[in-house]
Amino acid sequence: MSMDEDEVLKQARTSGLTYNQAKAYIARTTGGKGTHIYSNTDTEAVRQKNAASMSRKQR
């Protein structure tokens, strides 16, 4: 490796998020198509909450 390549690698390691980390962060915080794999939402809890809400509306 040349000196320039070493410097680039050093900067990359200290520059912040990796590509995959950035992609996961964006998916978690903005939503979007195909991002469900990054979601930490408890879908069952959401279903139960929605069912309870609908039940209250029907009374």
C-alpha atoms as a PDB file:
ATOM      1  CA  MET A   1       0.000   0.000   0.000  1.00  0.00           C
ATOM      2  CA  SER A   2       1.171   3.465  -0.777  1.00  0.00           C
ATOM      3  CA  MET A   3       1.236   6.276   1.739  1.00  0.00           C
ATOM      4  CA  ASP A   4      -1.868   7.826   0.126  1.00  0.00           C
ATOM      5  CA  GLU A   5      -3.867   4.592   0.474  1.00  0.00           C
ATOM      6  CA  ASP A   6      -2.918   4.308   4.132  1.00  0.00           C
ATOM      7  CA  GLU A   7      -4.001   7.894   4.741  1.00  0.00           C
ATOM      8  CA  VAL A   8      -7.337   7.322   3.004  1.00  0.00           C
ATOM      9  CA  LEU A   9      -7.987   4.205   5.074  1.00  0.00           C
ATOM     10  CA  LYS A  10      -7.060   6.066   8.255  1.00  0.00           C
ATOM     11  CA  GLN A  11      -9.481   8.897   7.420  1.00  0.00           C
ATOM     12  CA  ALA A  12     -12.242   6.415   6.569  1.00  0.00           C
ATOM     13  CA  ARG A  13     -11.885   4.693   9.948  1.00  0.00           C
ATOM     14  CA  THR A  14     -12.230   7.985  11.823  1.00  0.00           C
ATOM     15  CA  SER A  15     -14.843   9.696   9.652  1.00  0.00           C
ATOM     16  CA  GLY A  16     -18.003   8.423  11.347  1.00  0.00           C
ATOM     17  CA  LEU A  17     -20.614   5.894  10.293  1.00  0.00           C
ATOM     18  CA  THR A  18     -19.956   3.162   7.782  1.00  0.00           C
ATOM     19  CA  TYR A  19     -22.195   2.920   4.730  1.00  0.00           C
ATOM     20  CA  ASN A  20     -24.245   0.110   6.282  1.00  0.00           C
ATOM     21  CA  GLN A  21     -24.512   1.912   9.620  1.00  0.00           C
ATOM     22  CA  ALA A  22     -25.726   5.046   7.854  1.00  0.00           C
ATOM     23  CA  LYS A  23     -28.227   3.032   5.820  1.00  0.00           C
ATOM     24  CA  ALA A  24     -29.619   1.368   8.961  1.00  0.00           C
ATOM     25  CA  TYR A  25     -29.836   4.709  10.788  1.00  0.00           C
ATOM     26  CA  ILE A  26     -31.714   6.345   7.927  1.00  0.00           C
ATOM     27  CA  ALA A  27     -34.095   3.388   7.717  1.00  0.00           C
ATOM     28  CA  ARG A  28     -34.824   3.481  11.459  1.00  0.00           C
ATOM     29  CA  THR A  29     -35.366   7.219  11.603  1.00  0.00           C
ATOM     30  CA  THR A  30     -37.152   7.984   8.333  1.00  0.00           C
ATOM     31  CA  GLY A  31     -38.923   4.771   7.350  1.00  0.00           C
ATOM     32  CA  GLY A  32     -39.384   4.025   3.697  1.00  0.00           C
ATOM     33  CA  LYS A  33     -39.789   1.163   1.266  1.00  0.00           C
ATOM     34  CA  GLY A  34     -37.863  -2.003   2.099  1.00  0.00           C
ATOM     35  CA  THR A  35     -36.655  -0.806   5.484  1.00  0.00           C
ATOM     36  CA  HIS A  36     -38.618  -3.257   7.647  1.00  0.00           C
ATOM     37  CA  ILE A  37     -35.469  -5.318   8.272  1.00  0.00           C
ATOM     38  CA  TYR A  38     -34.071  -2.408  10.292  1.00  0.00           C
ATOM     39  CA  SER A  39     -37.253  -1.758  12.261  1.00  0.00           C
ATOM     40  CA  ASN A  40     -37.358  -2.341  15.988  1.00  0.00           C
ATOM     41  CA  THR A  41     -41.150  -1.900  16.175  1.00  0.00           C
ATOM     42  CA  ASP A  42     -43.051  -4.539  18.122  1.00  0.00           C
ATOM     43  CA  THR A  43     -45.674  -5.290  15.481  1.00  0.00           C
ATOM     44  CA  GLU A  44     -47.789  -7.405  17.813  1.00  0.00           C
ATOM     45  CA  ALA A  45     -48.043  -4.541  20.321  1.00  0.00           C
ATOM     46  CA  VAL A  46     -49.122  -2.208  17.514  1.00  0.00           C
ATOM     47  CA  ARG A  47     -51.793  -4.670  16.376  1.00  0.00           C
ATOM     48  CA  GLN A  48     -53.145  -4.964  19.931  1.00  0.00           C
ATOM     49  CA  LYS A  49     -53.186  -1.190  20.386  1.00  0.00           C
ATOM     50  CA  ASN A  50     -54.984  -0.712  17.063  1.00  0.00           C
ATOM     51  CA  ALA A  51     -57.536  -3.401  17.942  1.00  0.00           C
ATOM     52  CA  ALA A  52     -58.210  -1.764  21.323  1.00  0.00           C
ATOM     53  CA  SER A  53     -58.630   1.620  19.646  1.00  0.00           C
ATOM     54  CA  MET A  54     -61.069   0.229  17.083  1.00  0.00           C
ATOM     55  CA  SER A  55     -62.987  -1.524  19.865  1.00  0.00           C
ATOM     56  CA  ARG A  56     -63.416   1.759  21.749  1.00  0.00           C
ATOM     57  CA  LYS A  57     -64.656   3.510  18.582  1.00  0.00           C
ATOM     58  CA  GLN A  58     -67.362   0.910  17.995  1.00  0.00           C
ATOM     59  CA  ARG A  59     -68.971   1.452  21.412  1.00  0.00           C
END
